[in-house]
Full PDB file with SEQRES, HELIX, SHEET, SSBOND, CRYST1, ORIGX, SCALE, CONECT and MASTER records, all heavy atoms in Angstrom:
SEQRES   1 A   30  ASN ILE SER PHE GLN ILE LYS ALA ALA LEU MET ARG GLY          
SEQRES   2 A   30  SER THR LYS HIS ILE MET ILE ARG SER GLY GLY SER LYS          
SEQRES   3 A   30  GLU GLU ASN ASP                                              
HELIX    1 AA1 ILE A    2  ARG A   12  1                                  11    
HELIX    2 AA2 LYS A   26  ASN A   29  1                                   4    
CRYST1    1.000    1.000    1.000  90.00  90.00  90.00 P 1           1          
ORIGX1      1.000000  0.000000  0.000000        0.00000                         
ORIGX2      0.000000  1.000000  0.000000        0.00000                         
ORIGX3      0.000000  0.000000  1.000000        0.00000                         
SCALE1      1.000000  0.000000  0.000000        0.00000                         
SCALE2      0.000000  1.000000  0.000000        0.00000                         
SCALE3      0.000000  0.000000  1.000000        0.00000                         
ATOM      1  N   ASN A   1     -17.631  15.127 -43.775  1.00  0.00           N  
ATOM      2  CA  ASN A   1     -18.063  16.392 -44.330  1.00  0.00           C  
ATOM      3  C   ASN A   1     -19.020  16.122 -45.532  1.00  0.00           C  
ATOM      4  O   ASN A   1     -19.153  16.915 -46.482  1.00  0.00           O  
ATOM      5  CB  ASN A   1     -16.915  17.251 -44.898  1.00  0.00           C  
ATOM      6  CG  ASN A   1     -16.040  16.595 -45.931  1.00  0.00           C  
ATOM      7  OD1 ASN A   1     -16.352  15.401 -46.252  1.00  0.00           O  
ATOM      8  ND2 ASN A   1     -15.113  17.262 -46.444  1.00  0.00           N  
ATOM      9  N   ILE A   2     -19.765  15.052 -45.535  1.00  0.00           N  
ATOM     10  CA  ILE A   2     -20.574  14.660 -46.623  1.00  0.00           C  
ATOM     11  C   ILE A   2     -21.689  15.665 -46.912  1.00  0.00           C  
ATOM     12  O   ILE A   2     -22.062  15.772 -48.070  1.00  0.00           O  
ATOM     13  CB  ILE A   2     -21.254  13.260 -46.267  1.00  0.00           C  
ATOM     14  CG1 ILE A   2     -22.016  12.711 -47.445  1.00  0.00           C  
ATOM     15  CG2 ILE A   2     -22.135  13.366 -45.036  1.00  0.00           C  
ATOM     16  CD1 ILE A   2     -21.192  12.350 -48.582  1.00  0.00           C  
ATOM     17  N   SER A   3     -22.132  16.372 -45.945  1.00  0.00           N  
ATOM     18  CA  SER A   3     -23.165  17.405 -46.161  1.00  0.00           C  
ATOM     19  C   SER A   3     -22.686  18.527 -47.151  1.00  0.00           C  
ATOM     20  O   SER A   3     -23.452  19.014 -47.964  1.00  0.00           O  
ATOM     21  CB  SER A   3     -23.572  18.045 -44.863  1.00  0.00           C  
ATOM     22  OG  SER A   3     -24.075  17.085 -43.938  1.00  0.00           O  
ATOM     23  N   PHE A   4     -21.401  18.906 -47.037  1.00  0.00           N  
ATOM     24  CA  PHE A   4     -20.837  19.913 -47.906  1.00  0.00           C  
ATOM     25  C   PHE A   4     -20.690  19.315 -49.306  1.00  0.00           C  
ATOM     26  O   PHE A   4     -20.886  19.987 -50.305  1.00  0.00           O  
ATOM     27  CB  PHE A   4     -19.487  20.373 -47.377  1.00  0.00           C  
ATOM     28  CG  PHE A   4     -19.536  21.171 -46.085  1.00  0.00           C  
ATOM     29  CD1 PHE A   4     -19.502  20.516 -44.896  1.00  0.00           C  
ATOM     30  CD2 PHE A   4     -19.718  22.527 -46.116  1.00  0.00           C  
ATOM     31  CE1 PHE A   4     -19.563  21.248 -43.715  1.00  0.00           C  
ATOM     32  CE2 PHE A   4     -19.787  23.286 -44.911  1.00  0.00           C  
ATOM     33  CZ  PHE A   4     -19.740  22.622 -43.725  1.00  0.00           C  
ATOM     34  N   GLN A   5     -20.325  18.069 -49.381  1.00  0.00           N  
ATOM     35  CA  GLN A   5     -20.196  17.453 -50.667  1.00  0.00           C  
ATOM     36  C   GLN A   5     -21.538  17.379 -51.432  1.00  0.00           C  
ATOM     37  O   GLN A   5     -21.624  17.610 -52.619  1.00  0.00           O  
ATOM     38  CB  GLN A   5     -19.646  16.072 -50.515  1.00  0.00           C  
ATOM     39  CG  GLN A   5     -18.174  15.995 -49.932  1.00  0.00           C  
ATOM     40  CD  GLN A   5     -17.728  14.630 -49.761  1.00  0.00           C  
ATOM     41  OE1 GLN A   5     -18.151  13.698 -50.426  1.00  0.00           O  
ATOM     42  NE2 GLN A   5     -16.791  14.459 -48.798  1.00  0.00           N  
ATOM     43  N   ILE A   6     -22.620  17.043 -50.657  1.00  0.00           N  
ATOM     44  CA  ILE A   6     -23.921  16.922 -51.237  1.00  0.00           C  
ATOM     45  C   ILE A   6     -24.387  18.309 -51.745  1.00  0.00           C  
ATOM     46  O   ILE A   6     -24.800  18.462 -52.855  1.00  0.00           O  
ATOM     47  CB  ILE A   6     -24.988  16.300 -50.235  1.00  0.00           C  
ATOM     48  CG1 ILE A   6     -24.579  14.886 -49.921  1.00  0.00           C  
ATOM     49  CG2 ILE A   6     -26.387  16.420 -50.724  1.00  0.00           C  
ATOM     50  CD1 ILE A   6     -25.472  14.287 -48.788  1.00  0.00           C  
ATOM     51  N   LYS A   7     -24.238  19.270 -50.898  1.00  0.00           N  
ATOM     52  CA  LYS A   7     -24.715  20.614 -51.259  1.00  0.00           C  
ATOM     53  C   LYS A   7     -23.948  21.134 -52.401  1.00  0.00           C  
ATOM     54  O   LYS A   7     -24.564  21.736 -53.352  1.00  0.00           O  
ATOM     55  CB  LYS A   7     -24.512  21.587 -49.988  1.00  0.00           C  
ATOM     56  CG  LYS A   7     -24.901  23.060 -50.280  1.00  0.00           C  
ATOM     57  CD  LYS A   7     -26.337  23.189 -50.652  1.00  0.00           C  
ATOM     58  CE  LYS A   7     -26.714  24.581 -50.850  1.00  0.00           C  
ATOM     59  NZ  LYS A   7     -28.163  24.803 -51.244  1.00  0.00           N  
ATOM     60  N   ALA A   8     -22.641  21.009 -52.451  1.00  0.00           N  
ATOM     61  CA  ALA A   8     -21.816  21.551 -53.513  1.00  0.00           C  
ATOM     62  C   ALA A   8     -22.198  20.874 -54.783  1.00  0.00           C  
ATOM     63  O   ALA A   8     -22.258  21.540 -55.925  1.00  0.00           O  
ATOM     64  CB  ALA A   8     -20.344  21.397 -53.263  1.00  0.00           C  
ATOM     65  N   ALA A   9     -22.362  19.557 -54.747  1.00  0.00           N  
ATOM     66  CA  ALA A   9     -22.692  18.844 -55.988  1.00  0.00           C  
ATOM     67  C   ALA A   9     -24.014  19.255 -56.533  1.00  0.00           C  
ATOM     68  O   ALA A   9     -24.239  19.366 -57.793  1.00  0.00           O  
ATOM     69  CB  ALA A   9     -22.650  17.365 -55.753  1.00  0.00           C  
ATOM     70  N   LEU A  10     -25.035  19.451 -55.681  1.00  0.00           N  
ATOM     71  CA  LEU A  10     -26.350  19.824 -56.093  1.00  0.00           C  
ATOM     72  C   LEU A  10     -26.358  21.229 -56.717  1.00  0.00           C  
ATOM     73  O   LEU A  10     -27.072  21.495 -57.702  1.00  0.00           O  
ATOM     74  CB  LEU A  10     -27.384  19.743 -54.910  1.00  0.00           C  
ATOM     75  CG  LEU A  10     -27.612  18.372 -54.381  1.00  0.00           C  
ATOM     76  CD1 LEU A  10     -28.550  18.428 -53.167  1.00  0.00           C  
ATOM     77  CD2 LEU A  10     -28.312  17.484 -55.481  1.00  0.00           C  
ATOM     78  N   MET A  11     -25.528  22.121 -56.110  1.00  0.00           N  
ATOM     79  CA  MET A  11     -25.569  23.467 -56.614  1.00  0.00           C  
ATOM     80  C   MET A  11     -24.859  23.652 -57.944  1.00  0.00           C  
ATOM     81  O   MET A  11     -25.240  24.394 -58.715  1.00  0.00           O  
ATOM     82  CB  MET A  11     -24.774  24.397 -55.537  1.00  0.00           C  
ATOM     83  CG  MET A  11     -25.579  24.489 -54.281  1.00  0.00           C  
ATOM     84  SD  MET A  11     -27.275  25.296 -54.508  1.00  0.00           S  
ATOM     85  CE  MET A  11     -26.816  26.937 -55.116  1.00  0.00           C  
ATOM     86  N   ARG A  12     -23.821  22.877 -58.155  1.00  0.00           N  
ATOM     87  CA  ARG A  12     -23.106  23.041 -59.443  1.00  0.00           C  
ATOM     88  C   ARG A  12     -23.394  22.027 -60.459  1.00  0.00           C  
ATOM     89  O   ARG A  12     -22.853  22.026 -61.576  1.00  0.00           O  
ATOM     90  CB  ARG A  12     -21.563  23.126 -59.176  1.00  0.00           C  
ATOM     91  CG  ARG A  12     -20.985  21.858 -58.637  1.00  0.00           C  
ATOM     92  CD  ARG A  12     -19.434  22.001 -58.555  1.00  0.00           C  
ATOM     93  NE  ARG A  12     -18.879  20.820 -58.126  1.00  0.00           N  
ATOM     94  CZ  ARG A  12     -18.498  20.518 -56.854  1.00  0.00           C  
ATOM     95  NH1 ARG A  12     -18.721  21.413 -55.993  1.00  0.00           N  
ATOM     96  NH2 ARG A  12     -17.949  19.406 -56.532  1.00  0.00           N  
ATOM     97  N   GLY A  13     -24.265  21.036 -60.031  1.00  0.00           N  
ATOM     98  CA  GLY A  13     -24.566  19.997 -61.011  1.00  0.00           C  
ATOM     99  C   GLY A  13     -23.455  19.061 -61.404  1.00  0.00           C  
ATOM    100  O   GLY A  13     -23.348  18.635 -62.527  1.00  0.00           O  
ATOM    101  N   SER A  14     -22.501  18.934 -60.481  1.00  0.00           N  
ATOM    102  CA  SER A  14     -21.294  18.207 -60.753  1.00  0.00           C  
ATOM    103  C   SER A  14     -21.677  16.695 -60.885  1.00  0.00           C  
ATOM    104  O   SER A  14     -22.494  16.164 -60.197  1.00  0.00           O  
ATOM    105  CB  SER A  14     -20.300  18.345 -59.685  1.00  0.00           C  
ATOM    106  OG  SER A  14     -19.226  17.448 -59.878  1.00  0.00           O  
ATOM    107  N   THR A  15     -21.008  15.985 -61.715  1.00  0.00           N  
ATOM    108  CA  THR A  15     -21.172  14.500 -61.934  1.00  0.00           C  
ATOM    109  C   THR A  15     -19.952  13.770 -61.553  1.00  0.00           C  
ATOM    110  O   THR A  15     -19.824  12.551 -61.811  1.00  0.00           O  
ATOM    111  CB  THR A  15     -21.598  14.157 -63.295  1.00  0.00           C  
ATOM    112  OG1 THR A  15     -20.580  14.587 -64.227  1.00  0.00           O  
ATOM    113  CG2 THR A  15     -22.939  14.815 -63.661  1.00  0.00           C  
ATOM    114  N   LYS A  16     -18.944  14.493 -61.033  1.00  0.00           N  
ATOM    115  CA  LYS A  16     -17.686  13.783 -60.727  1.00  0.00           C  
ATOM    116  C   LYS A  16     -17.770  12.888 -59.544  1.00  0.00           C  
ATOM    117  O   LYS A  16     -17.319  11.763 -59.551  1.00  0.00           O  
ATOM    118  CB  LYS A  16     -16.574  14.808 -60.425  1.00  0.00           C  
ATOM    119  CG  LYS A  16     -15.197  14.214 -60.236  1.00  0.00           C  
ATOM    120  CD  LYS A  16     -14.210  15.253 -60.015  1.00  0.00           C  
ATOM    121  CE  LYS A  16     -12.823  14.655 -59.863  1.00  0.00           C  
ATOM    122  NZ  LYS A  16     -11.766  15.656 -59.667  1.00  0.00           N  
ATOM    123  N   HIS A  17     -18.474  13.313 -58.506  1.00  0.00           N  
ATOM    124  CA  HIS A  17     -18.701  12.543 -57.265  1.00  0.00           C  
ATOM    125  C   HIS A  17     -20.170  12.146 -57.054  1.00  0.00           C  
ATOM    126  O   HIS A  17     -20.482  11.170 -56.363  1.00  0.00           O  
ATOM    127  CB  HIS A  17     -18.152  13.233 -56.065  1.00  0.00           C  
ATOM    128  CG  HIS A  17     -16.688  13.498 -56.137  1.00  0.00           C  
ATOM    129  ND1 HIS A  17     -15.753  12.470 -56.112  1.00  0.00           N  
ATOM    130  CD2 HIS A  17     -16.027  14.603 -56.248  1.00  0.00           C  
ATOM    131  CE1 HIS A  17     -14.537  12.964 -56.138  1.00  0.00           C  
ATOM    132  NE2 HIS A  17     -14.657  14.345 -56.257  1.00  0.00           N  
ATOM    133  N   ILE A  18     -21.041  13.048 -57.491  1.00  0.00           N  
ATOM    134  CA  ILE A  18     -22.482  12.758 -57.243  1.00  0.00           C  
ATOM    135  C   ILE A  18     -23.276  12.865 -58.582  1.00  0.00           C  
ATOM    136  O   ILE A  18     -23.128  13.890 -59.299  1.00  0.00           O  
ATOM    137  CB  ILE A  18     -23.091  13.799 -56.225  1.00  0.00           C  
ATOM    138  CG1 ILE A  18     -22.279  13.736 -54.911  1.00  0.00           C  
ATOM    139  CG2 ILE A  18     -24.534  13.553 -55.944  1.00  0.00           C  
ATOM    140  CD1 ILE A  18     -22.677  14.658 -53.986  1.00  0.00           C  
ATOM    141  N   MET A  19     -24.066  11.923 -58.875  1.00  0.00           N  
ATOM    142  CA  MET A  19     -24.898  11.964 -60.069  1.00  0.00           C  
ATOM    143  C   MET A  19     -26.261  12.400 -59.712  1.00  0.00           C  
ATOM    144  O   MET A  19     -26.923  11.883 -58.753  1.00  0.00           O  
ATOM    145  CB  MET A  19     -24.962  10.523 -60.708  1.00  0.00           C  
ATOM    146  CG  MET A  19     -23.597  10.070 -61.091  1.00  0.00           C  
ATOM    147  SD  MET A  19     -23.656   8.459 -61.881  1.00  0.00           S  
ATOM    148  CE  MET A  19     -24.607   8.818 -63.401  1.00  0.00           C  
ATOM    149  N   ILE A  20     -26.850  13.441 -60.408  1.00  0.00           N  
ATOM    150  CA  ILE A  20     -28.104  13.977 -60.021  1.00  0.00           C  
ATOM    151  C   ILE A  20     -29.179  13.707 -61.123  1.00  0.00           C  
ATOM    152  O   ILE A  20     -28.879  13.852 -62.327  1.00  0.00           O  
ATOM    153  CB  ILE A  20     -27.956  15.487 -59.899  1.00  0.00           C  
ATOM    154  CG1 ILE A  20     -26.866  15.856 -58.965  1.00  0.00           C  
ATOM    155  CG2 ILE A  20     -29.297  16.134 -59.506  1.00  0.00           C  
ATOM    156  CD1 ILE A  20     -26.595  17.381 -58.880  1.00  0.00           C  
ATOM    157  N   ARG A  21     -30.268  13.298 -60.700  1.00  0.00           N  
ATOM    158  CA  ARG A  21     -31.464  13.142 -61.535  1.00  0.00           C  
ATOM    159  C   ARG A  21     -32.559  14.121 -61.144  1.00  0.00           C  
ATOM    160  O   ARG A  21     -33.141  13.980 -60.107  1.00  0.00           O  
ATOM    161  CB  ARG A  21     -31.977  11.671 -61.472  1.00  0.00           C  
ATOM    162  CG  ARG A  21     -31.063  10.701 -61.928  1.00  0.00           C  
ATOM    163  CD  ARG A  21     -31.707   9.278 -62.099  1.00  0.00           C  
ATOM    164  NE  ARG A  21     -32.316   8.835 -60.811  1.00  0.00           N  
ATOM    165  CZ  ARG A  21     -31.611   8.084 -59.968  1.00  0.00           C  
ATOM    166  NH1 ARG A  21     -30.359   7.866 -60.156  1.00  0.00           N  
ATOM    167  NH2 ARG A  21     -32.155   7.722 -58.793  1.00  0.00           N  
ATOM    168  N   SER A  22     -32.665  15.230 -61.840  1.00  0.00           N  
ATOM    169  CA  SER A  22     -33.527  16.326 -61.391  1.00  0.00           C  
ATOM    170  C   SER A  22     -34.876  16.413 -62.108  1.00  0.00           C  
ATOM    171  O   SER A  22     -34.922  16.105 -63.307  1.00  0.00           O  
ATOM    172  CB  SER A  22     -32.767  17.633 -61.499  1.00  0.00           C  
ATOM    173  OG  SER A  22     -32.442  17.926 -62.883  1.00  0.00           O  
ATOM    174  N   GLY A  23     -35.879  16.867 -61.380  1.00  0.00           N  
ATOM    175  CA  GLY A  23     -37.136  17.103 -62.030  1.00  0.00           C  
ATOM    176  C   GLY A  23     -37.161  18.538 -62.595  1.00  0.00           C  
ATOM    177  O   GLY A  23     -37.807  18.759 -63.578  1.00  0.00           O  
ATOM    178  N   GLY A  24     -36.528  19.428 -61.901  1.00  0.00           N  
ATOM    179  CA  GLY A  24     -36.390  20.777 -62.406  1.00  0.00           C  
ATOM    180  C   GLY A  24     -37.478  21.759 -62.160  1.00  0.00           C  
ATOM    181  O   GLY A  24     -37.564  22.792 -62.675  1.00  0.00           O  
ATOM    182  N   SER A  25     -38.455  21.379 -61.260  1.00  0.00           N  
ATOM    183  CA  SER A  25     -39.524  22.358 -60.941  1.00  0.00           C  
ATOM    184  C   SER A  25     -39.102  23.505 -60.024  1.00  0.00           C  
ATOM    185  O   SER A  25     -37.992  23.330 -59.380  1.00  0.00           O  
ATOM    186  CB  SER A  25     -40.685  21.614 -60.267  1.00  0.00           C  
ATOM    187  OG  SER A  25     -40.355  21.204 -58.940  1.00  0.00           O  
ATOM    188  N   LYS A  26     -39.793  24.649 -60.149  1.00  0.00           N  
ATOM    189  CA  LYS A  26     -39.383  25.844 -59.350  1.00  0.00           C  
ATOM    190  C   LYS A  26     -39.412  25.506 -57.908  1.00  0.00           C  
ATOM    191  O   LYS A  26     -38.635  25.945 -57.114  1.00  0.00           O  
ATOM    192  CB  LYS A  26     -40.336  26.947 -59.768  1.00  0.00           C  
ATOM    193  CG  LYS A  26     -39.964  28.252 -59.017  1.00  0.00           C  
ATOM    194  CD  LYS A  26     -40.874  29.336 -59.411  1.00  0.00           C  
ATOM    195  CE  LYS A  26     -40.472  30.722 -58.761  1.00  0.00           C  
ATOM    196  NZ  LYS A  26     -40.511  30.615 -57.356  1.00  0.00           N  
ATOM    197  N   GLU A  27     -40.525  24.727 -57.416  1.00  0.00           N  
ATOM    198  CA  GLU A  27     -40.634  24.383 -56.028  1.00  0.00           C  
ATOM    199  C   GLU A  27     -39.442  23.699 -55.525  1.00  0.00           C  
ATOM    200  O   GLU A  27     -38.939  23.910 -54.415  1.00  0.00           O  
ATOM    201  CB  GLU A  27     -41.933  23.674 -55.820  1.00  0.00           C  
ATOM    202  CG  GLU A  27     -42.176  23.324 -54.308  1.00  0.00           C  
ATOM    203  CD  GLU A  27     -43.487  22.570 -54.173  1.00  0.00           C  
ATOM    204  OE1 GLU A  27     -44.184  22.384 -55.132  1.00  0.00           O  
ATOM    205  OE2 GLU A  27     -43.728  22.093 -52.987  1.00  0.00           O  
ATOM    206  N   GLU A  28     -39.008  22.662 -56.301  1.00  0.00           N  
ATOM    207  CA  GLU A  28     -37.831  21.833 -55.854  1.00  0.00           C  
ATOM    208  C   GLU A  28     -36.570  22.685 -55.861  1.00  0.00           C  
ATOM    209  O   GLU A  28     -35.799  22.524 -54.989  1.00  0.00           O  
ATOM    210  CB  GLU A  28     -37.752  20.701 -56.938  1.00  0.00           C  
ATOM    211  CG  GLU A  28     -38.805  19.685 -56.714  1.00  0.00           C  
ATOM    212  CD  GLU A  28     -38.625  18.555 -57.839  1.00  0.00           C  
ATOM    213  OE1 GLU A  28     -37.962  18.879 -58.829  1.00  0.00           O  
ATOM    214  OE2 GLU A  28     -39.146  17.476 -57.577  1.00  0.00           O  
ATOM    215  N   ASN A  29     -36.516  23.617 -56.813  1.00  0.00           N  
ATOM    216  CA  ASN A  29     -35.271  24.434 -56.849  1.00  0.00           C  
ATOM    217  C   ASN A  29     -35.241  25.363 -55.608  1.00  0.00           C  
ATOM    218  O   ASN A  29     -34.162  25.623 -55.024  1.00  0.00           O  
ATOM    219  CB  ASN A  29     -35.204  25.323 -58.130  1.00  0.00           C  
ATOM    220  CG  ASN A  29     -34.907  24.486 -59.331  1.00  0.00           C  
ATOM    221  OD1 ASN A  29     -34.329  23.421 -59.202  1.00  0.00           O  
ATOM    222  ND2 ASN A  29     -35.352  24.883 -60.494  1.00  0.00           N  
ATOM    223  N   ASP A  30     -36.481  25.888 -55.150  1.00  0.00           N  
ATOM    224  CA  ASP A  30     -36.522  26.693 -53.962  1.00  0.00           C  
ATOM    225  C   ASP A  30     -36.068  25.915 -52.764  1.00  0.00           C  
ATOM    226  O   ASP A  30     -35.423  26.397 -51.852  1.00  0.00           O  
ATOM    227  CB  ASP A  30     -37.868  27.287 -53.818  1.00  0.00           C  
ATOM    228  CG  ASP A  30     -38.253  28.307 -54.818  1.00  0.00           C  
ATOM    229  OD1 ASP A  30     -37.241  28.875 -55.462  1.00  0.00           O  
ATOM    230  OD2 ASP A  30     -39.377  28.571 -55.103  1.00  0.00           O  
TER     231      ASP A  30                                                      
MASTER        0    0    0    2    0    0    0    6  230    1    0    3          
END                                                                             
């Protein structure tokens, strides 16, 4: 179920299981 883990982590910005380095642009957020 890795796809759900990736999506959930990206949406809530969690660092417990996945560390995110974001650029923060509007296009990327869309």
